[in-house]
Amino acid sequence: MRVVHLSVALAALLGTATASVSVKYTGQPPTGYEVTFRYANASAHQVQIAGGLLPFTDQFHTTPAFSAAYDPHDYRPGDFFVANLNVNTTGNLGPQGTYSGFYMNDTGHGEWEWTAPFPSGTYSYAYIIDCDLGPRCAGTEPGQVPGLTFYNDPENPPFQNDVLQFNHSIFQVPYDREYQYYPALNLDFDFALPVPAGHQGKALAVNYSSPGSTYPAKDVHDLALYLPPSYDANCSTPYPVLYLSHGGGGTAFDWPNLAKAFNIIDNLIHDHWIPPTIVVCPAFYNLGCNDTGPTPDLMICVRENYLRILLPFIESTYRASSDPDHRAFAGLSLGSELTYEMYINATTNFTYFGHFSGARGPAASDTDTEGYISNATVAANPALADRGVFVGFGNFDIAFSDCRSLELALELAGVGFLSRKPTSKMATTTTDNMEMQYKPAEPMQASPSNNAQEHAHTSDCEAQQPKKERTFLGMRGGGLIRTLPPLPFHAFFRRGGEGDKDVDMLGCGSVLMNT
């Protein structure tokens, strides 16, 4: 068998414990790949591999509350996994009751092993030791996330600024069309795999001064930052910037870990679908706002903080554009409510807005437009009609009514937007899945000219700037979006207009994100 994902030898998780994880290409059903976890600890009596590793389900046996709970060994094309649903398990998935993880096999001498086929995707994992329900087993052993019996992989750690920010490690599995193809759903997530060596951007954990912040230190806040591989601090043309917000209970490091969002940007830049772009993943908690108060008040406080502190920091520290035509703001769930706050009340600071699974919070119905954008809102703020707006959500998303109400309100207000478009009449009976089709955009040219003399007077960073008028980012369309959770990173923004005047602005691929 050919190893396609580097097998990692792990350091101690508990005392003298060691572990490894490998993804191997088998070329055999059911998925063409298998993942093997090994854990060695003579003192362990029971070991589960858990975190974001969950039973599978399909579009016919899933509701907003329950999963079919298929064992991965029983995978069939079209199966997928979904987090945070009630899963009653028996047999190979462990004792009957609420699922917490897959039980590893005791192979003797303190060694544990578990192998299963997995389809394409980005997965998070952690080890649970001697505990049936990880979230209910507190402990303080070395390598353990405080308050949980989840043990990260110390040799494959998550990208974070502090050990308290993220409690899972990540691995990825490629797509094998021969065994994983399913015509009703696009389940190919290879767009999130790493680009070839030498073409990756730089991922940074950044601390910055933010008066009033309480984390990670007094008057200091943090963010996750992506700089494109060609980043040049002296480039004469500033780089476009995407500000990408986490959701409720999240951190700045959710997108780069669970979504592999920076890999997606790498791929889009490498394949010339978008120009080199800076991505800022800020954190809206612990800013000095009332995090537990009314959501609208929190969103107003965060908006004011970002405009007063975050954007000036980014633009004074990095070669980031301050031109609204080259700024986008997007967010997930509660971060989407922040996006809506930015759209309504910071309209001219950004030109592109991506609402992923949310807008204003729970709505009474799919047609409850009270409190959303209206003709009166647009009359008072005409720029709302000239922004690029995207609304993305799942067919059984908990934010379905909220997002549909936003779409209806946008339609009634005469504001153009891009949204989901299922490819068939069959609804995917899961909170998290929908097939989306978009008007495809042509890949941008790597450089504006093949004229060597012209290039002699043009730096690499200038040559790669977008040349299409008013274009922020462009992308090819299509893909599966999974929301709340797994989480979405599928944006395709468009400025207001009709017919040929529409300009596709921002597309960041789809992403599978496990929480």
Protein backbone atom coordinates (compact mmCIF):
# COMPACT_ATOMS: atom_id res chain seq x y z
CA MET A 1 0.00 0.00 0.00
CA ARG A 2 1.15 3.53 -0.80
CA VAL A 3 1.32 6.03 2.04
CA VAL A 4 -0.15 9.33 0.86
CA HIS A 5 -0.28 11.16 4.16
CA LEU A 6 2.83 11.21 6.31
CA SER A 7 2.59 8.81 9.23
CA VAL A 8 3.49 10.73 12.34
CA ALA A 9 5.36 9.29 15.31
CA LEU A 10 3.96 10.92 18.41
CA ALA A 11 5.59 11.94 21.65
CA ALA A 12 4.20 11.03 25.05
CA LEU A 13 0.53 11.66 25.64
CA LEU A 14 0.40 10.22 29.13
CA GLY A 15 3.72 9.51 30.78
CA THR A 16 5.34 6.90 28.53
CA ALA A 17 2.42 6.70 26.07
CA THR A 18 3.09 7.00 22.33
CA ALA A 19 0.82 7.06 19.31
CA SER A 20 0.73 7.39 15.53
CA VAL A 21 -1.78 8.07 12.79
CA SER A 22 -1.41 7.27 9.10
CA VAL A 23 -3.57 7.60 6.01
CA LYS A 24 -2.87 4.97 3.35
CA TYR A 25 -4.04 4.55 -0.21
CA THR A 26 -5.36 1.00 -0.68
CA GLY A 27 -7.05 1.22 -4.07
CA GLN A 28 -9.72 -1.03 -2.55
CA PRO A 29 -13.33 -0.51 -1.48
CA PRO A 30 -15.06 0.96 0.32
CA THR A 31 -13.24 4.33 0.00
CA GLY A 32 -9.80 3.60 -1.51
CA TYR A 33 -8.15 4.82 1.72
CA GLU A 34 -7.77 3.63 5.28
CA VAL A 35 -6.68 5.41 8.42
CA THR A 36 -4.84 3.64 11.22
CA PHE A 37 -4.44 4.96 14.75
CA ARG A 38 -2.02 3.34 17.18
CA TYR A 39 -1.69 4.17 20.84
CA ALA A 40 0.61 2.61 23.42
CA ASN A 41 0.19 3.09 27.15
CA ALA A 42 0.57 0.26 29.63
CA SER A 43 -1.60 2.01 32.23
CA ALA A 44 -4.64 2.53 29.97
CA HIS A 45 -7.63 0.24 30.43
CA GLN A 46 -9.76 1.73 27.65
CA VAL A 47 -8.90 4.03 24.76
CA GLN A 48 -11.19 5.80 22.33
CA ILE A 49 -10.27 7.74 19.22
CA ALA A 50 -12.67 10.64 19.18
CA GLY A 51 -12.72 14.39 18.81
CA GLY A 52 -14.16 15.08 15.38
CA LEU A 53 -14.28 11.41 14.34
CA LEU A 54 -17.97 10.61 14.16
CA PRO A 55 -20.32 7.93 12.88
CA PHE A 56 -21.49 8.38 9.32
CA THR A 57 -24.96 9.03 8.00
CA ASP A 58 -26.65 9.66 4.64
CA GLN A 59 -29.16 12.06 3.18
CA PHE A 60 -32.06 9.68 3.68
CA HIS A 61 -31.65 8.87 7.38
CA THR A 62 -30.71 12.15 8.99
CA THR A 63 -32.81 14.83 10.63
CA PRO A 64 -31.83 18.08 12.34
CA ALA A 65 -31.62 16.10 15.58
CA PHE A 66 -30.40 12.58 14.76
CA SER A 67 -27.76 10.78 12.73
CA ALA A 68 -28.05 7.28 11.27
CA ALA A 69 -24.79 6.38 13.11
CA TYR A 70 -23.19 4.13 10.50
CA ASP A 71 -19.87 2.58 11.36
CA PRO A 72 -17.20 3.84 8.90
CA HIS A 73 -16.46 0.21 8.05
CA ASP A 74 -19.94 0.08 6.50
CA TYR A 75 -19.31 3.14 4.30
CA ARG A 76 -21.22 3.48 1.06
CA PRO A 77 -20.87 6.25 -1.55
CA GLY A 78 -22.88 9.27 -0.44
CA ASP A 79 -22.25 8.70 3.27
CA PHE A 80 -20.93 11.62 5.29
CA PHE A 81 -20.54 12.51 8.93
CA VAL A 82 -22.13 15.30 10.88
CA ALA A 83 -21.27 16.60 14.33
CA ASN A 84 -23.38 17.60 17.30
CA LEU A 85 -26.39 15.43 16.59
CA ASN A 86 -27.80 12.91 19.06
CA VAL A 87 -26.24 9.56 18.18
CA ASN A 88 -27.47 6.39 19.92
CA THR A 89 -24.95 3.66 19.27
CA THR A 90 -24.58 -0.08 19.69
CA GLY A 91 -22.15 -2.76 18.59
CA ASN A 92 -18.86 -1.62 17.07
CA LEU A 93 -19.52 1.99 18.06
CA GLY A 94 -19.49 1.09 21.76
CA PRO A 95 -22.07 0.48 24.48
CA GLN A 96 -25.60 1.66 23.78
CA GLY A 97 -25.96 5.30 24.68
CA THR A 98 -24.65 8.61 23.48
CA TYR A 99 -21.66 8.28 21.20
CA SER A 100 -18.35 9.70 22.46
CA GLY A 101 -15.73 7.98 20.31
CA PHE A 102 -14.65 4.82 18.48
CA TYR A 103 -13.29 2.17 20.82
CA MET A 104 -9.76 1.13 19.92
CA ASN A 105 -8.79 -2.54 19.98
CA ASP A 106 -6.49 -3.77 22.74
CA THR A 107 -3.77 -5.72 20.91
CA GLY A 108 -1.94 -6.62 24.12
CA HIS A 109 1.07 -5.30 26.00
CA GLY A 110 -0.57 -1.92 26.48
CA GLU A 111 -0.98 -1.31 22.75
CA TRP A 112 -4.18 -0.12 21.12
CA GLU A 113 -5.10 0.08 17.44
CA TRP A 114 -8.03 1.08 15.28
CA THR A 115 -8.25 1.09 11.48
CA ALA A 116 -11.16 2.25 9.37
CA PRO A 117 -11.88 3.46 5.83
CA PHE A 118 -12.54 7.17 5.48
CA PRO A 119 -13.69 9.18 2.47
CA SER A 120 -12.40 12.56 1.36
CA GLY A 121 -12.37 15.26 4.01
CA THR A 122 -10.62 17.12 6.79
CA TYR A 123 -11.02 15.40 10.16
CA SER A 124 -10.15 16.31 13.71
CA TYR A 125 -9.21 13.73 16.31
CA ALA A 126 -8.19 13.31 19.93
CA TYR A 127 -7.72 10.41 22.35
CA ILE A 128 -10.02 9.66 25.29
CA ILE A 129 -8.42 7.54 28.00
CA ASP A 130 -10.40 5.43 30.52
CA CYS A 131 -13.63 7.37 30.11
CA ASP A 132 -16.93 6.57 28.38
CA LEU A 133 -18.00 10.18 27.91
CA GLY A 134 -15.04 12.44 27.24
CA PRO A 135 -16.71 15.78 27.91
CA ARG A 136 -17.78 14.57 31.37
CA CYS A 137 -14.40 13.28 32.49
CA ALA A 138 -12.24 16.04 33.91
CA GLY A 139 -8.57 15.55 34.53
CA THR A 140 -5.20 17.22 34.54
CA GLU A 141 -2.84 14.62 33.07
CA PRO A 142 0.10 15.74 30.88
CA GLY A 143 -1.04 16.47 27.34
CA GLN A 144 -4.69 16.68 28.34
CA VAL A 145 -6.96 19.58 27.51
CA PRO A 146 -7.98 21.04 30.90
CA GLY A 147 -11.46 19.95 31.93
CA LEU A 148 -11.71 17.22 29.28
CA THR A 149 -10.23 13.79 28.83
CA PHE A 150 -9.19 14.71 25.30
CA TYR A 151 -5.51 14.26 24.47
CA ASN A 152 -4.11 16.10 21.49
CA ASP A 153 -1.42 14.69 19.27
CA PRO A 154 1.68 16.60 20.46
CA GLU A 155 3.63 15.82 17.29
CA ASN A 156 0.71 16.87 15.11
CA PRO A 157 -0.56 19.83 17.15
CA PRO A 158 -3.28 22.18 15.99
CA PHE A 159 -2.33 25.66 14.84
CA GLN A 160 -3.01 27.93 17.80
CA ASN A 161 -1.66 30.73 19.93
CA ASP A 162 -2.41 29.10 23.28
CA VAL A 163 -2.92 25.49 24.38
CA LEU A 164 -6.43 26.32 25.59
CA GLN A 165 -7.68 27.41 22.17
CA PHE A 166 -8.05 24.12 20.35
CA ASN A 167 -8.45 20.56 21.60
CA HIS A 168 -8.18 18.43 18.46
CA SER A 169 -5.47 17.50 15.98
CA ILE A 170 -6.15 17.30 12.24
CA PHE A 171 -5.66 14.82 9.40
CA GLN A 172 -6.93 14.77 5.81
CA VAL A 173 -8.01 12.06 3.39
CA PRO A 174 -7.92 12.47 -0.43
CA TYR A 175 -10.76 11.69 -2.81
CA ASP A 176 -10.96 8.50 -4.84
CA ARG A 177 -13.61 8.88 -7.51
CA GLU A 178 -13.75 5.14 -8.20
CA TYR A 179 -15.11 4.39 -4.73
CA GLN A 180 -16.44 7.67 -3.38
CA TYR A 181 -18.33 9.21 -6.32
CA TYR A 182 -22.01 9.87 -5.62
CA PRO A 183 -23.98 11.73 -8.30
CA ALA A 184 -26.37 13.53 -5.91
CA LEU A 185 -23.65 15.08 -3.75
CA ASN A 186 -20.22 16.47 -4.51
CA LEU A 187 -18.12 14.92 -1.73
CA ASP A 188 -14.71 15.67 -3.21
CA PHE A 189 -12.83 17.86 -0.72
CA ASP A 190 -9.40 17.75 -2.34
CA PHE A 191 -9.48 21.54 -2.71
CA ALA A 192 -8.50 21.66 0.99
CA LEU A 193 -5.42 19.45 0.61
CA PRO A 194 -1.98 21.11 0.79
CA VAL A 195 -0.50 22.64 -2.35
CA PRO A 196 2.92 21.45 -3.57
CA ALA A 197 5.90 22.33 -1.40
CA GLY A 198 7.16 25.84 -2.00
CA HIS A 199 3.74 27.24 -2.88
CA GLN A 200 2.25 27.57 0.60
CA GLY A 201 1.40 30.87 2.17
CA LYS A 202 2.43 31.68 5.71
CA ALA A 203 0.15 31.06 8.70
CA LEU A 204 0.84 33.29 11.69
CA ALA A 205 -0.56 33.59 15.19
CA VAL A 206 -0.47 37.32 15.86
CA ASN A 207 -0.82 39.24 19.13
CA TYR A 208 -1.74 42.90 18.87
CA SER A 209 -2.48 45.77 21.23
CA SER A 210 -6.21 46.07 21.95
CA PRO A 211 -7.11 48.15 25.01
CA GLY A 212 -9.77 46.41 27.08
CA SER A 213 -8.97 42.91 25.81
CA THR A 214 -8.63 40.23 28.49
CA TYR A 215 -7.13 37.41 26.38
CA PRO A 216 -4.47 36.23 25.78
CA ALA A 217 -3.28 39.01 28.12
CA LYS A 218 -4.52 42.29 29.49
CA ASP A 219 -4.95 44.81 26.65
CA VAL A 220 -3.63 42.22 24.16
CA HIS A 221 -5.74 40.32 21.65
CA ASP A 222 -4.86 37.71 19.01
CA LEU A 223 -5.76 36.59 15.51
CA ALA A 224 -4.82 34.02 12.89
CA LEU A 225 -3.27 35.51 9.76
CA TYR A 226 -2.61 34.17 6.28
CA LEU A 227 -0.03 35.84 4.04
CA PRO A 228 0.14 34.63 0.42
CA PRO A 229 3.29 32.86 -0.78
CA SER A 230 4.34 35.85 -2.90
CA TYR A 231 3.75 38.34 -0.09
CA ASP A 232 6.03 41.35 -0.38
CA ALA A 233 5.84 44.01 2.32
CA ASN A 234 7.22 46.51 -0.20
CA CYS A 235 4.78 45.75 -2.99
CA SER A 236 3.52 48.97 -4.55
CA THR A 237 -0.01 47.55 -4.78
CA PRO A 238 -1.68 46.57 -1.50
CA TYR A 239 -3.13 43.07 -1.22
CA PRO A 240 -6.88 42.46 -1.02
CA VAL A 241 -8.04 41.32 2.42
CA LEU A 242 -10.67 38.85 3.57
CA TYR A 243 -11.75 39.19 7.21
CA LEU A 244 -13.18 35.81 8.21
CA SER A 245 -14.98 35.37 11.52
CA HIS A 246 -15.51 32.26 13.65
CA GLY A 247 -18.89 31.33 15.13
CA GLY A 248 -20.35 31.15 18.60
CA GLY A 249 -17.98 29.64 21.16
CA GLY A 250 -15.16 29.63 18.62
CA THR A 251 -11.69 31.12 18.36
CA ALA A 252 -9.54 32.79 15.73
CA PHE A 253 -8.01 29.40 14.96
CA ASP A 254 -11.16 27.50 13.99
CA TRP A 255 -10.96 28.32 10.26
CA PRO A 256 -7.28 27.38 9.74
CA ASN A 257 -7.69 24.14 11.72
CA LEU A 258 -11.13 22.64 11.16
CA ALA A 259 -11.58 24.13 7.71
CA LYS A 260 -8.01 24.10 6.46
CA ALA A 261 -9.08 27.48 5.11
CA PHE A 262 -5.51 28.56 4.44
CA ASN A 263 -4.98 25.44 2.31
CA ILE A 264 -8.02 26.42 0.28
CA ILE A 265 -6.67 29.91 -0.29
CA ASP A 266 -3.29 28.38 -1.22
CA ASN A 267 -4.99 26.25 -3.88
CA LEU A 268 -7.04 29.11 -5.29
CA ILE A 269 -3.95 31.29 -5.58
CA HIS A 270 -1.81 28.46 -6.97
CA ASP A 271 -4.40 27.69 -9.68
CA HIS A 272 -4.86 31.42 -10.47
CA TRP A 273 -8.49 31.56 -9.45
CA ILE A 274 -7.80 34.45 -7.12
CA PRO A 275 -4.96 36.97 -6.73
CA PRO A 276 -2.60 36.75 -3.76
CA THR A 277 -4.81 37.66 -0.82
CA ILE A 278 -4.37 38.29 2.90
CA VAL A 279 -6.82 36.48 5.20
CA VAL A 280 -7.46 37.73 8.73
CA CYS A 281 -9.26 35.46 11.19
CA PRO A 282 -10.01 37.62 14.25
CA ALA A 283 -11.62 36.62 17.55
CA PHE A 284 -14.68 38.49 18.79
CA TYR A 285 -14.61 37.16 22.35
CA ASN A 286 -12.62 38.70 25.24
CA LEU A 287 -12.34 42.07 23.52
CA GLY A 288 -13.74 43.89 26.52
CA CYS A 289 -17.31 43.65 25.22
CA ASN A 290 -20.07 41.94 27.20
CA ASP A 291 -19.68 38.44 25.74
CA THR A 292 -22.67 37.06 27.66
CA GLY A 293 -24.99 40.02 27.10
CA PRO A 294 -27.56 40.53 24.33
CA THR A 295 -26.18 39.48 20.96
CA PRO A 296 -27.02 42.76 19.16
CA ASP A 297 -25.08 44.72 21.77
CA LEU A 298 -22.11 42.36 21.42
CA MET A 299 -22.13 42.72 17.63
CA ILE A 300 -22.18 46.53 17.85
CA CYS A 301 -19.29 46.51 20.32
CA VAL A 302 -17.24 44.14 18.14
CA ARG A 303 -17.91 46.18 15.00
CA GLU A 304 -16.73 49.35 16.70
CA ASN A 305 -13.64 47.58 18.04
CA TYR A 306 -12.69 46.09 14.66
CA LEU A 307 -13.06 49.38 12.82
CA ARG A 308 -11.20 51.32 15.50
CA ILE A 309 -8.41 48.83 16.32
CA LEU A 310 -8.26 45.71 14.13
CA LEU A 311 -8.39 47.19 10.62
CA PRO A 312 -5.90 49.99 11.39
CA PHE A 313 -3.53 47.41 12.91
CA ILE A 314 -3.70 45.15 9.85
CA GLU A 315 -3.26 48.01 7.41
CA SER A 316 -0.37 49.61 9.29
CA THR A 317 1.46 46.33 9.92
CA TYR A 318 0.98 44.48 6.63
CA ARG A 319 0.67 45.51 2.98
CA ALA A 320 -3.09 45.21 3.24
CA SER A 321 -5.50 47.27 1.21
CA SER A 322 -7.56 49.96 2.91
CA ASP A 323 -9.71 50.34 -0.19
CA PRO A 324 -13.22 48.97 0.49
CA ASP A 325 -13.25 47.59 -3.07
CA HIS A 326 -10.51 45.22 -1.94
CA ARG A 327 -11.95 44.28 1.45
CA ALA A 328 -14.42 41.49 2.25
CA PHE A 329 -16.02 40.43 5.54
CA ALA A 330 -17.53 36.99 6.11
CA GLY A 331 -18.48 34.87 9.06
CA LEU A 332 -20.10 31.68 10.29
CA SER A 333 -23.17 31.41 12.52
CA LEU A 334 -22.74 34.08 15.21
CA GLY A 335 -19.93 35.39 13.01
CA SER A 336 -22.53 35.71 10.27
CA GLU A 337 -24.59 37.89 12.59
CA LEU A 338 -21.46 39.99 12.94
CA THR A 339 -21.23 40.05 9.13
CA TYR A 340 -24.79 41.33 8.92
CA GLU A 341 -23.96 44.02 11.49
CA MET A 342 -21.00 45.03 9.32
CA TYR A 343 -23.16 44.99 6.17
CA ILE A 344 -25.83 47.24 7.66
CA ASN A 345 -23.69 49.57 9.76
CA ALA A 346 -20.21 49.45 8.20
CA THR A 347 -21.45 49.21 4.62
CA THR A 348 -18.83 51.41 3.01
CA ASN A 349 -15.89 49.88 4.90
CA PHE A 350 -16.22 46.67 2.88
CA THR A 351 -17.64 45.87 -0.53
CA TYR A 352 -18.21 42.11 -0.12
CA PHE A 353 -20.12 40.32 2.65
CA GLY A 354 -20.50 36.55 3.17
CA HIS A 355 -23.26 35.29 5.48
CA PHE A 356 -22.63 31.64 6.37
CA SER A 357 -25.50 30.07 8.34
CA GLY A 358 -26.93 33.14 9.96
CA ALA A 359 -27.84 36.81 9.79
CA ARG A 360 -29.91 38.05 12.73
CA GLY A 361 -30.50 34.96 14.88
CA PRO A 362 -33.56 32.68 15.10
CA ALA A 363 -36.45 33.73 12.85
CA ALA A 364 -40.12 32.94 13.43
CA SER A 365 -40.52 31.59 9.89
CA ASP A 366 -38.90 31.47 6.47
CA THR A 367 -40.77 34.67 5.56
CA ASP A 368 -40.26 36.69 8.73
CA THR A 369 -38.59 39.80 7.32
CA GLU A 370 -39.30 42.10 10.24
CA GLY A 371 -36.06 43.67 11.44
CA TYR A 372 -34.12 42.69 8.29
CA ILE A 373 -33.01 44.96 5.47
CA SER A 374 -35.90 46.79 3.79
CA ASN A 375 -36.66 49.42 1.17
CA ALA A 376 -36.45 52.03 3.90
CA THR A 377 -33.04 50.72 4.98
CA VAL A 378 -31.71 50.94 1.42
CA ALA A 379 -33.22 54.38 0.91
CA ALA A 380 -31.36 55.60 3.99
CA ASN A 381 -28.15 53.78 2.98
CA PRO A 382 -28.05 53.34 -0.85
CA ALA A 383 -24.61 51.67 -0.70
CA LEU A 384 -26.34 48.51 0.59
CA ALA A 385 -27.60 47.88 -2.94
CA ASP A 386 -24.11 48.04 -4.42
CA ARG A 387 -22.37 45.47 -2.21
CA GLY A 388 -21.45 41.91 -3.07
CA VAL A 389 -23.65 39.72 -0.85
CA PHE A 390 -23.57 35.95 -0.41
CA VAL A 391 -25.92 33.86 1.75
CA GLY A 392 -25.03 30.21 2.38
CA PHE A 393 -26.81 27.63 4.54
CA GLY A 394 -27.84 23.98 4.65
CA ASN A 395 -31.24 22.56 3.76
CA PHE A 396 -31.87 21.60 7.38
CA ASP A 397 -29.59 24.19 8.91
CA ILE A 398 -30.65 25.51 12.33
CA ALA A 399 -30.25 28.93 10.68
CA PHE A 400 -32.44 27.99 7.70
CA SER A 401 -35.33 30.33 8.54
CA ASP A 402 -32.94 33.14 9.46
CA CYS A 403 -31.13 32.89 6.12
CA ARG A 404 -34.29 32.47 4.04
CA SER A 405 -35.78 35.51 5.75
CA LEU A 406 -32.64 37.46 4.90
CA GLU A 407 -32.86 36.37 1.26
CA LEU A 408 -36.52 37.35 1.04
CA ALA A 409 -35.76 40.71 2.64
CA LEU A 410 -32.94 41.30 0.15
CA GLU A 411 -35.27 40.44 -2.74
CA LEU A 412 -38.01 42.75 -1.47
CA ALA A 413 -35.47 45.54 -1.04
CA GLY A 414 -34.18 45.05 -4.59
CA VAL A 415 -30.68 44.00 -3.47
CA GLY A 416 -28.90 41.44 -5.65
CA PHE A 417 -27.17 38.53 -3.92
CA LEU A 418 -25.82 35.05 -4.55
CA SER A 419 -27.08 32.04 -2.64
CA ARG A 420 -27.47 28.31 -2.59
CA LYS A 421 -28.98 26.49 -5.53
CA PRO A 422 -29.70 22.77 -4.99
CA THR A 423 -28.99 20.72 -8.11
CA SER A 424 -32.08 18.52 -7.76
CA LYS A 425 -35.53 18.61 -6.21
CA MET A 426 -34.45 16.08 -3.64
CA ALA A 427 -33.60 17.82 -0.39
CA THR A 428 -30.67 16.43 1.52
CA THR A 429 -32.28 15.48 4.81
CA THR A 430 -29.47 16.72 6.98
CA THR A 431 -28.73 19.94 8.76
CA ASP A 432 -25.44 20.22 7.01
CA ASN A 433 -25.57 19.45 3.33
CA MET A 434 -26.66 21.03 0.14
CA GLU A 435 -25.47 20.91 -3.42
CA MET A 436 -24.57 24.32 -4.78
CA GLN A 437 -24.05 25.53 -8.34
CA TYR A 438 -22.68 28.88 -9.32
CA LYS A 439 -21.91 30.77 -12.43
CA PRO A 440 -18.29 29.76 -13.01
CA ALA A 441 -15.59 32.37 -13.30
CA GLU A 442 -12.59 32.11 -15.55
CA PRO A 443 -9.26 31.64 -13.79
CA MET A 444 -7.28 34.85 -13.71
CA GLN A 445 -4.05 35.11 -15.65
CA ALA A 446 -0.88 34.58 -13.66
CA SER A 447 0.50 37.79 -15.11
CA PRO A 448 -0.88 40.64 -17.22
CA SER A 449 1.51 40.15 -20.10
CA ASN A 450 4.10 37.85 -21.57
CA ASN A 451 6.19 40.84 -22.59
CA ALA A 452 9.60 40.33 -20.97
CA GLN A 453 10.49 44.01 -21.22
CA GLU A 454 7.31 44.97 -19.42
CA HIS A 455 8.03 42.38 -16.72
CA ALA A 456 11.47 43.86 -16.23
CA HIS A 457 9.75 46.91 -14.75
CA THR A 458 7.11 44.99 -12.80
CA SER A 459 7.68 43.20 -9.49
CA ASP A 460 6.22 39.72 -8.93
CA CYS A 461 3.66 41.08 -6.47
CA GLU A 462 2.48 43.70 -8.95
CA ALA A 463 2.28 41.19 -11.79
CA GLN A 464 -0.08 38.99 -9.79
CA GLN A 465 -2.55 41.69 -8.83
CA PRO A 466 -6.03 41.30 -10.37
CA LYS A 467 -6.44 43.11 -13.67
CA LYS A 468 -10.17 42.58 -14.12
CA GLU A 469 -11.94 45.80 -13.20
CA ARG A 470 -13.69 45.76 -9.81
CA THR A 471 -12.76 42.15 -9.16
CA PHE A 472 -11.83 41.21 -5.63
CA LEU A 473 -11.59 37.45 -6.05
CA GLY A 474 -12.96 35.06 -8.63
CA MET A 475 -13.52 31.33 -8.53
CA ARG A 476 -14.83 28.29 -10.26
CA GLY A 477 -18.22 27.30 -8.92
CA GLY A 478 -19.68 24.12 -7.54
CA GLY A 479 -19.26 21.99 -4.49
CA LEU A 480 -20.96 20.68 -1.37
CA ILE A 481 -21.51 23.02 1.50
CA ARG A 482 -21.90 21.67 5.01
CA THR A 483 -22.98 24.05 7.68
CA LEU A 484 -23.37 24.08 11.42
CA PRO A 485 -21.37 21.78 11.66
CA PRO A 486 -19.44 20.85 9.55
CA LEU A 487 -18.86 24.50 8.80
CA PRO A 488 -18.83 26.31 5.45
CA PHE A 489 -16.11 28.12 3.61
CA HIS A 490 -17.82 28.53 0.27
CA ALA A 491 -18.17 32.19 -0.62
CA PHE A 492 -18.98 33.64 -4.02
CA PHE A 493 -19.68 37.36 -3.81
CA ARG A 494 -21.15 39.58 -6.49
CA ARG A 495 -21.67 43.29 -6.77
CA GLY A 496 -25.21 44.45 -7.43
CA GLY A 497 -26.29 44.58 -11.06
CA GLU A 498 -27.98 42.57 -13.76
CA GLY A 499 -26.96 40.27 -16.56
CA ASP A 500 -23.50 40.83 -17.98
CA LYS A 501 -22.88 43.64 -15.50
CA ASP A 502 -22.63 41.14 -12.65
CA VAL A 503 -19.05 40.55 -11.56
CA ASP A 504 -18.15 37.44 -9.60
CA MET A 505 -16.09 38.70 -6.71
CA LEU A 506 -15.08 36.18 -4.09
CA GLY A 507 -14.95 32.43 -4.03
CA CYS A 508 -13.09 30.41 -1.44
CA GLY A 509 -14.11 26.85 -2.22
CA SER A 510 -16.04 24.49 0.03
CA VAL A 511 -14.64 23.11 3.20
CA LEU A 512 -15.40 20.27 5.52
CA MET A 513 -15.06 21.42 9.07
CA ASN A 514 -15.56 19.15 12.05
CA THR A 515 -16.27 20.36 15.54
